[in-house]
Amino acid sequence: MSARNAARRYANALFALAREQDALEPVRADLRQLVDLLDTSPEWRLFVTEPSGAKASRTSAIHHLLTGRTHALSERFTAFLDHKGRLPLLDLVVEEWMLLYDRHLGLLRATIASAAPLAPEQVEAIREHLAGRFGKTIILTPRVDPALIGGLQIFIGDQVFDFSVETQLQLLQKRLTYA
């Protein structure tokens, strides 16, 4: 089973439990904090990505680190991942969990890449178009990609809508070649 598929299964299980226990918000905050720690704490990153030591001592360390600082479900889930040897998947599990959370709220996150910064009204027009197409509230993150000659690329999950000049020129070249 791929790491992504395993992460998706763990995320689904945690999401179902958090919803059942009416703990979506505290678990979301805990997961965000645990992933943020991967970037700020070398010790936590090492603990998560390079699991070593006896399971009992690791469980004790997780209990000591998280008790009183996180929701009990978050603590138990982190210990469970560690016990199963899946703690290195934590960042993927959190990514998948956040997608479930967004879906639960009717949100869809998208990134739009352009060669130059877009005007706010352009971003809003794209947001409205995507909201109409997908029937969800769109959270749009614009970014500048100087590698683009012109045009746009829109990333939604693992879908890419490529309206870049380079792609349009490649399509034209293929049409002319096979015409």
Protein backbone atom coordinates (compact mmCIF):
# COMPACT_ATOMS: atom_id res chain seq x y z
CA MET A 1 0.00 0.00 0.00
CA SER A 2 1.37 3.41 -0.92
CA ALA A 3 2.17 5.94 1.76
CA ARG A 4 -0.55 8.25 0.43
CA ASN A 5 -3.19 5.52 0.59
CA ALA A 6 -2.17 4.54 4.12
CA ALA A 7 -2.24 8.19 5.18
CA ARG A 8 -5.70 8.59 3.67
CA ARG A 9 -6.99 5.60 5.65
CA TYR A 10 -5.59 6.89 8.93
CA ALA A 11 -6.93 10.37 8.21
CA ASN A 12 -10.40 8.98 7.46
CA ALA A 13 -10.41 7.03 10.71
CA LEU A 14 -9.28 10.02 12.77
CA PHE A 15 -11.76 12.33 11.06
CA ALA A 16 -14.63 9.94 11.76
CA LEU A 17 -13.63 9.69 15.43
CA ALA A 18 -13.19 13.45 15.78
CA ARG A 19 -16.58 14.09 14.23
CA GLU A 20 -18.19 11.44 16.43
CA GLN A 21 -16.64 13.02 19.53
CA ASP A 22 -17.46 16.56 18.36
CA ALA A 23 -13.75 17.37 18.44
CA LEU A 24 -13.04 18.51 14.87
CA GLU A 25 -11.76 21.96 15.86
CA PRO A 26 -9.40 20.90 18.66
CA VAL A 27 -8.04 17.99 16.61
CA ARG A 28 -7.51 20.30 13.62
CA ALA A 29 -5.56 22.72 15.79
CA ASP A 30 -3.50 19.89 17.30
CA LEU A 31 -2.66 18.39 13.92
CA ARG A 32 -1.60 21.77 12.57
CA GLN A 33 0.61 22.27 15.62
CA LEU A 34 2.20 18.81 15.32
CA VAL A 35 3.06 19.41 11.67
CA ASP A 36 4.34 22.92 12.35
CA LEU A 37 6.65 21.41 14.95
CA LEU A 38 8.25 19.31 12.20
CA ASP A 39 9.59 22.58 10.74
CA THR A 40 10.58 24.23 14.00
CA SER A 41 11.83 21.42 16.23
CA PRO A 42 14.69 19.24 14.99
CA GLU A 43 14.10 16.89 17.92
CA TRP A 44 10.44 16.35 17.03
CA ARG A 45 11.34 15.89 13.34
CA LEU A 46 13.90 13.24 14.28
CA PHE A 47 11.45 11.54 16.65
CA VAL A 48 8.78 11.41 13.92
CA THR A 49 10.87 10.59 10.86
CA GLU A 50 13.47 8.26 12.39
CA PRO A 51 11.58 6.14 14.93
CA SER A 52 13.95 4.25 17.18
CA GLY A 53 13.87 2.93 20.70
CA ALA A 54 11.46 0.70 22.56
CA LYS A 55 7.79 1.19 21.80
CA ALA A 56 6.97 1.58 25.48
CA SER A 57 9.47 4.41 25.90
CA ARG A 58 8.25 6.12 22.72
CA THR A 59 4.63 5.85 23.92
CA SER A 60 5.68 7.31 27.25
CA ALA A 61 7.47 10.17 25.49
CA ILE A 62 4.39 10.95 23.39
CA HIS A 63 2.22 10.86 26.50
CA HIS A 64 4.62 13.18 28.33
CA LEU A 65 4.85 15.61 25.39
CA LEU A 66 1.17 15.80 24.48
CA THR A 67 -0.85 15.29 27.68
CA GLY A 68 -2.48 18.54 28.69
CA ARG A 69 -1.31 20.23 25.49
CA THR A 70 -3.55 18.45 23.00
CA HIS A 71 -6.97 16.87 22.87
CA ALA A 72 -6.94 13.30 24.22
CA LEU A 73 -7.94 11.97 20.79
CA SER A 74 -4.93 13.68 19.18
CA GLU A 75 -2.61 12.21 21.77
CA ARG A 76 -4.04 8.68 21.42
CA PHE A 77 -3.92 8.91 17.63
CA THR A 78 -0.28 10.04 17.62
CA ALA A 79 0.64 7.19 19.97
CA PHE A 80 -1.32 4.76 17.76
CA LEU A 81 0.55 5.91 14.63
CA ASP A 82 3.83 5.43 16.46
CA HIS A 83 2.82 1.99 17.74
CA LYS A 84 1.99 0.91 14.16
CA GLY A 85 5.30 2.31 12.89
CA ARG A 86 3.43 4.89 10.82
CA LEU A 87 4.46 8.09 12.61
CA PRO A 88 6.69 9.05 9.66
CA LEU A 89 3.42 9.46 7.71
CA LEU A 90 2.24 12.18 10.09
CA ASP A 91 2.59 15.04 7.60
CA LEU A 92 0.70 13.08 4.91
CA VAL A 93 -2.00 12.05 7.39
CA VAL A 94 -2.48 15.67 8.41
CA GLU A 95 -2.61 16.78 4.77
CA GLU A 96 -5.32 14.21 4.02
CA TRP A 97 -7.19 15.07 7.24
CA MET A 98 -7.23 18.76 6.30
CA LEU A 99 -8.71 17.87 2.91
CA LEU A 100 -11.50 15.97 4.69
CA TYR A 101 -12.03 18.91 7.02
CA ASP A 102 -12.27 21.34 4.08
CA ARG A 103 -14.68 19.02 2.27
CA HIS A 104 -16.78 18.82 5.45
CA LEU A 105 -17.02 22.63 5.45
CA GLY A 106 -17.70 22.81 1.70
CA LEU A 107 -14.33 24.40 0.95
CA LEU A 108 -12.01 23.74 -1.96
CA ARG A 109 -8.43 25.01 -1.95
CA ALA A 110 -6.80 26.06 -5.18
CA THR A 111 -3.53 27.67 -6.16
CA ILE A 112 -3.22 29.86 -9.21
CA ALA A 113 0.19 30.45 -10.75
CA SER A 114 0.84 33.34 -13.10
CA ALA A 115 3.92 34.95 -14.64
CA ALA A 116 3.12 38.29 -13.00
CA PRO A 117 1.01 39.23 -9.99
CA LEU A 118 -2.71 39.23 -10.71
CA ALA A 119 -4.94 42.17 -9.88
CA PRO A 120 -7.38 41.52 -7.02
CA GLU A 121 -10.34 41.72 -9.40
CA GLN A 122 -8.75 39.06 -11.63
CA VAL A 123 -8.26 36.76 -8.64
CA GLU A 124 -11.86 37.36 -7.58
CA ALA A 125 -13.18 36.64 -11.09
CA ILE A 126 -11.26 33.36 -11.17
CA ARG A 127 -12.52 32.48 -7.68
CA GLU A 128 -16.13 33.11 -8.75
CA HIS A 129 -15.71 31.05 -11.92
CA LEU A 130 -14.24 28.12 -9.97
CA ALA A 131 -16.96 28.39 -7.30
CA GLY A 132 -19.59 28.15 -10.02
CA ARG A 133 -17.88 25.23 -11.70
CA PHE A 134 -17.27 23.19 -8.54
CA GLY A 135 -20.20 24.36 -6.43
CA LYS A 136 -17.99 25.03 -3.42
CA THR A 137 -16.46 27.97 -1.62
CA ILE A 138 -13.01 28.42 -3.14
CA ILE A 139 -9.97 29.42 -1.12
CA LEU A 140 -7.63 30.70 -3.79
CA THR A 141 -3.92 31.23 -3.22
CA PRO A 142 -2.23 33.21 -5.97
CA ARG A 143 1.48 32.82 -6.56
CA VAL A 144 3.92 34.17 -9.09
CA ASP A 145 5.89 31.67 -11.18
CA PRO A 146 8.47 33.55 -13.26
CA ALA A 147 9.05 30.38 -15.31
CA LEU A 148 5.67 30.88 -16.96
CA ILE A 149 5.87 32.99 -20.09
CA GLY A 150 2.28 34.07 -19.63
CA GLY A 151 -1.15 32.66 -18.92
CA LEU A 152 -2.21 30.73 -15.85
CA GLN A 153 -1.98 27.37 -14.16
CA ILE A 154 -4.64 26.40 -11.63
CA PHE A 155 -3.94 23.59 -9.16
CA ILE A 156 -6.85 21.98 -7.31
CA GLY A 157 -5.85 18.87 -5.41
CA ASP A 158 -4.13 16.67 -7.96
CA GLN A 159 -5.85 18.36 -10.91
CA VAL A 160 -4.00 20.92 -13.02
CA PHE A 161 -5.73 23.30 -15.39
CA ASP A 162 -2.93 24.60 -17.57
CA PHE A 163 -3.68 27.75 -19.55
CA SER A 164 -0.05 28.81 -19.83
CA VAL A 165 1.33 30.22 -23.07
CA GLU A 166 3.88 27.41 -23.25
CA THR A 167 1.18 24.72 -23.09
CA GLN A 168 -0.98 26.53 -25.64
CA LEU A 169 2.01 26.74 -28.01
CA GLN A 170 2.72 23.02 -27.54
CA LEU A 171 -0.92 22.20 -28.35
CA LEU A 172 -0.78 24.38 -31.45
CA GLN A 173 2.44 22.67 -32.53
CA LYS A 174 0.82 19.23 -32.14
CA ARG A 175 -2.23 20.31 -34.14
CA LEU A 176 -0.06 21.67 -36.93
CA THR A 177 2.16 18.58 -36.92
CA TYR A 178 -0.74 16.12 -37.13
CA ALA A 179 -3.00 18.20 -39.40
